[in-house]
Amino acid sequence: MQEDRFSQGPYRWLTVARPRKPEGTELQLALNSNPAAKAYQQAMFKQGQPAAMFFTDDVKGDYERIKARGAQFTMPPPT
């Protein structure tokens, strides 16, 4: 995994990408401390829109694998 860290004033974030394709899809991970980002997140949540969407052929298997690595989910995937 390729990792880059950024900061601007009090805000910090981390981006990660596949090492074999760093110019491809990139995931940004940031603290929820930016007021503009937090307002956007809350508005999207109220509309029922997820903050992120991932596609898989085995949602149950991926859920179990990621959970076993310590991730916390608000609910299990639908069956």
N, C-alpha and C. Protein backbone atom coordinates (compact mmCIF):
# COMPACT_ATOMS: atom_id res chain seq x y z
N MET A 1 0.84 -1.16 0.00
CA MET A 1 0.00 0.00 0.00
C MET A 1 0.89 1.23 0.00
N GLN A 2 0.65 2.14 -0.93
CA GLN A 2 1.37 3.41 -0.95
C GLN A 2 0.63 4.38 -0.04
N GLU A 3 1.39 5.12 0.75
CA GLU A 3 0.80 6.00 1.75
C GLU A 3 1.44 7.38 1.66
N ASP A 4 0.60 8.42 1.66
CA ASP A 4 1.08 9.80 1.69
C ASP A 4 0.34 10.53 2.80
N ARG A 5 1.06 11.36 3.54
CA ARG A 5 0.47 12.13 4.62
C ARG A 5 0.51 13.61 4.25
N PHE A 6 -0.57 14.32 4.55
CA PHE A 6 -0.68 15.73 4.23
C PHE A 6 -1.19 16.50 5.43
N SER A 7 -0.91 17.79 5.45
CA SER A 7 -1.48 18.66 6.47
C SER A 7 -1.63 20.06 5.91
N GLN A 8 -2.59 20.76 6.46
CA GLN A 8 -2.82 22.16 6.10
C GLN A 8 -3.38 22.82 7.35
N GLY A 9 -2.58 23.63 7.99
CA GLY A 9 -3.01 24.20 9.26
C GLY A 9 -3.28 23.09 10.26
N PRO A 10 -4.41 23.16 10.95
CA PRO A 10 -4.71 22.14 11.95
C PRO A 10 -5.26 20.83 11.36
N TYR A 11 -5.51 20.79 10.06
CA TYR A 11 -6.13 19.62 9.44
C TYR A 11 -5.06 18.70 8.87
N ARG A 12 -5.23 17.38 9.11
CA ARG A 12 -4.31 16.37 8.60
C ARG A 12 -5.11 15.26 7.94
N TRP A 13 -4.54 14.64 6.94
CA TRP A 13 -5.20 13.49 6.32
C TRP A 13 -4.15 12.58 5.72
N LEU A 14 -4.56 11.38 5.43
CA LEU A 14 -3.71 10.33 4.90
C LEU A 14 -4.38 9.79 3.65
N THR A 15 -3.61 9.58 2.61
CA THR A 15 -4.16 8.93 1.43
C THR A 15 -3.43 7.61 1.21
N VAL A 16 -4.16 6.63 0.75
CA VAL A 16 -3.57 5.32 0.47
C VAL A 16 -3.98 4.89 -0.94
N ALA A 17 -3.08 4.17 -1.61
CA ALA A 17 -3.34 3.67 -2.96
C ALA A 17 -2.61 2.34 -3.11
N ARG A 18 -2.99 1.61 -4.13
CA ARG A 18 -2.32 0.34 -4.41
C ARG A 18 -0.89 0.60 -4.85
N PRO A 19 0.08 -0.16 -4.33
CA PRO A 19 1.48 0.10 -4.69
C PRO A 19 1.78 -0.17 -6.16
N ARG A 20 1.06 -1.10 -6.77
CA ARG A 20 1.31 -1.41 -8.18
C ARG A 20 0.62 -0.45 -9.14
N LYS A 21 -0.29 0.36 -8.59
CA LYS A 21 -1.02 1.31 -9.44
C LYS A 21 -1.28 2.60 -8.64
N PRO A 22 -0.21 3.32 -8.26
CA PRO A 22 -0.39 4.50 -7.41
C PRO A 22 -1.18 5.61 -8.08
N GLU A 23 -1.26 5.61 -9.41
CA GLU A 23 -2.03 6.64 -10.10
C GLU A 23 -3.52 6.28 -10.20
N GLY A 24 -3.90 5.11 -9.68
CA GLY A 24 -5.29 4.66 -9.73
C GLY A 24 -6.11 5.22 -8.59
N THR A 25 -7.09 4.48 -8.16
CA THR A 25 -7.99 4.90 -7.09
C THR A 25 -7.20 5.16 -5.82
N GLU A 26 -7.56 6.24 -5.15
CA GLU A 26 -6.89 6.63 -3.92
C GLU A 26 -7.95 6.86 -2.84
N LEU A 27 -7.69 6.39 -1.64
CA LEU A 27 -8.62 6.54 -0.53
C LEU A 27 -8.06 7.57 0.42
N GLN A 28 -8.88 8.55 0.80
CA GLN A 28 -8.45 9.57 1.75
C GLN A 28 -9.04 9.27 3.10
N LEU A 29 -8.19 9.27 4.12
CA LEU A 29 -8.60 9.03 5.50
C LEU A 29 -8.28 10.29 6.29
N ALA A 30 -9.27 10.84 6.97
CA ALA A 30 -9.06 12.09 7.70
C ALA A 30 -9.85 12.08 9.00
N LEU A 31 -9.36 12.84 9.95
CA LEU A 31 -10.12 13.03 11.19
C LEU A 31 -11.38 13.81 10.87
N ASN A 32 -12.40 13.63 11.66
CA ASN A 32 -13.66 14.33 11.43
C ASN A 32 -13.66 15.65 12.21
N SER A 33 -12.60 16.44 12.04
CA SER A 33 -12.47 17.69 12.78
C SER A 33 -12.64 18.93 11.90
N ASN A 34 -12.74 18.76 10.60
CA ASN A 34 -12.95 19.89 9.69
C ASN A 34 -14.44 20.23 9.69
N PRO A 35 -14.84 21.42 10.14
CA PRO A 35 -16.26 21.75 10.24
C PRO A 35 -17.01 21.62 8.91
N ALA A 36 -16.40 21.99 7.80
CA ALA A 36 -17.06 21.88 6.49
C ALA A 36 -17.29 20.42 6.12
N ALA A 37 -16.29 19.60 6.35
CA ALA A 37 -16.42 18.17 6.04
C ALA A 37 -17.45 17.50 6.94
N LYS A 38 -17.47 17.89 8.20
CA LYS A 38 -18.42 17.30 9.14
C LYS A 38 -19.85 17.66 8.76
N ALA A 39 -20.09 18.93 8.36
CA ALA A 39 -21.43 19.35 7.94
C ALA A 39 -21.87 18.57 6.70
N TYR A 40 -20.96 18.39 5.74
CA TYR A 40 -21.26 17.62 4.53
C TYR A 40 -21.61 16.17 4.90
N GLN A 41 -20.80 15.58 5.76
CA GLN A 41 -21.03 14.19 6.17
C GLN A 41 -22.40 14.04 6.84
N GLN A 42 -22.74 14.95 7.72
CA GLN A 42 -24.03 14.88 8.42
C GLN A 42 -25.20 15.06 7.45
N ALA A 43 -25.05 15.97 6.49
CA ALA A 43 -26.12 16.19 5.50
C ALA A 43 -26.31 14.94 4.64
N MET A 44 -25.22 14.31 4.21
CA MET A 44 -25.32 13.09 3.41
C MET A 44 -25.95 11.96 4.22
N PHE A 45 -25.59 11.86 5.50
CA PHE A 45 -26.14 10.83 6.37
C PHE A 45 -27.66 11.01 6.51
N LYS A 46 -28.10 12.24 6.67
CA LYS A 46 -29.54 12.52 6.81
C LYS A 46 -30.31 12.12 5.55
N GLN A 47 -29.65 12.18 4.40
CA GLN A 47 -30.28 11.77 3.13
C GLN A 47 -30.20 10.26 2.91
N GLY A 48 -29.52 9.57 3.82
CA GLY A 48 -29.38 8.12 3.66
C GLY A 48 -28.28 7.72 2.70
N GLN A 49 -27.37 8.65 2.39
CA GLN A 49 -26.27 8.36 1.47
C GLN A 49 -25.06 7.88 2.25
N PRO A 50 -24.43 6.79 1.84
CA PRO A 50 -23.24 6.32 2.55
C PRO A 50 -22.05 7.25 2.29
N ALA A 51 -21.14 7.29 3.25
CA ALA A 51 -19.93 8.10 3.09
C ALA A 51 -18.99 7.48 2.06
N ALA A 52 -19.04 6.19 1.93
CA ALA A 52 -18.19 5.48 0.96
C ALA A 52 -18.93 4.24 0.50
N MET A 53 -18.66 3.84 -0.72
CA MET A 53 -19.24 2.61 -1.24
C MET A 53 -18.12 1.75 -1.80
N PHE A 54 -18.19 0.47 -1.51
CA PHE A 54 -17.21 -0.49 -2.01
C PHE A 54 -17.97 -1.62 -2.68
N PHE A 55 -17.42 -2.16 -3.74
CA PHE A 55 -18.06 -3.24 -4.47
C PHE A 55 -17.28 -4.53 -4.28
N THR A 56 -18.00 -5.64 -4.09
CA THR A 56 -17.37 -6.92 -3.86
C THR A 56 -18.29 -8.04 -4.34
N ASP A 57 -17.71 -9.18 -4.61
CA ASP A 57 -18.49 -10.36 -4.96
C ASP A 57 -18.82 -11.20 -3.73
N ASP A 58 -18.21 -10.88 -2.58
CA ASP A 58 -18.40 -11.66 -1.36
C ASP A 58 -18.50 -10.71 -0.16
N VAL A 59 -19.61 -10.01 -0.03
CA VAL A 59 -19.75 -9.01 1.04
C VAL A 59 -19.64 -9.64 2.42
N LYS A 60 -20.22 -10.79 2.63
CA LYS A 60 -20.18 -11.45 3.94
C LYS A 60 -18.74 -11.85 4.28
N GLY A 61 -18.05 -12.45 3.33
CA GLY A 61 -16.67 -12.87 3.56
C GLY A 61 -15.75 -11.68 3.82
N ASP A 62 -15.90 -10.62 3.02
CA ASP A 62 -15.08 -9.43 3.22
C ASP A 62 -15.40 -8.76 4.56
N TYR A 63 -16.66 -8.72 4.93
CA TYR A 63 -17.06 -8.16 6.23
C TYR A 63 -16.37 -8.92 7.36
N GLU A 64 -16.42 -10.24 7.33
CA GLU A 64 -15.81 -11.06 8.38
C GLU A 64 -14.29 -10.86 8.42
N ARG A 65 -13.65 -10.82 7.25
CA ARG A 65 -12.19 -10.65 7.17
C ARG A 65 -11.78 -9.29 7.72
N ILE A 66 -12.48 -8.23 7.35
CA ILE A 66 -12.14 -6.88 7.81
C ILE A 66 -12.44 -6.72 9.29
N LYS A 67 -13.54 -7.28 9.74
CA LYS A 67 -13.91 -7.23 11.17
C LYS A 67 -12.85 -7.95 12.01
N ALA A 68 -12.36 -9.09 11.51
CA ALA A 68 -11.35 -9.84 12.24
C ALA A 68 -10.04 -9.05 12.40
N ARG A 69 -9.83 -8.09 11.52
CA ARG A 69 -8.63 -7.24 11.61
C ARG A 69 -8.83 -6.02 12.51
N GLY A 70 -10.02 -5.93 13.13
CA GLY A 70 -10.24 -4.87 14.10
C GLY A 70 -11.15 -3.73 13.67
N ALA A 71 -11.67 -3.77 12.45
CA ALA A 71 -12.59 -2.71 12.00
C ALA A 71 -13.90 -2.81 12.76
N GLN A 72 -14.51 -1.67 13.00
CA GLN A 72 -15.81 -1.64 13.66
C GLN A 72 -16.86 -1.18 12.67
N PHE A 73 -17.99 -1.86 12.64
CA PHE A 73 -19.09 -1.55 11.74
C PHE A 73 -20.31 -1.13 12.56
N THR A 74 -21.12 -0.26 12.02
CA THR A 74 -22.35 0.13 12.72
C THR A 74 -23.42 -0.94 12.60
N MET A 75 -23.31 -1.80 11.57
CA MET A 75 -24.26 -2.90 11.40
C MET A 75 -23.64 -3.93 10.45
N PRO A 76 -24.06 -5.17 10.54
CA PRO A 76 -23.55 -6.17 9.60
C PRO A 76 -24.15 -5.95 8.22
N PRO A 77 -23.55 -6.54 7.20
CA PRO A 77 -24.11 -6.39 5.86
C PRO A 77 -25.44 -7.12 5.74
N PRO A 78 -26.31 -6.65 4.87
CA PRO A 78 -27.59 -7.34 4.69
C PRO A 78 -27.36 -8.72 4.08
N THR A 79 -28.24 -9.64 4.42
CA THR A 79 -28.10 -11.00 3.87
C THR A 79 -29.03 -11.23 2.74
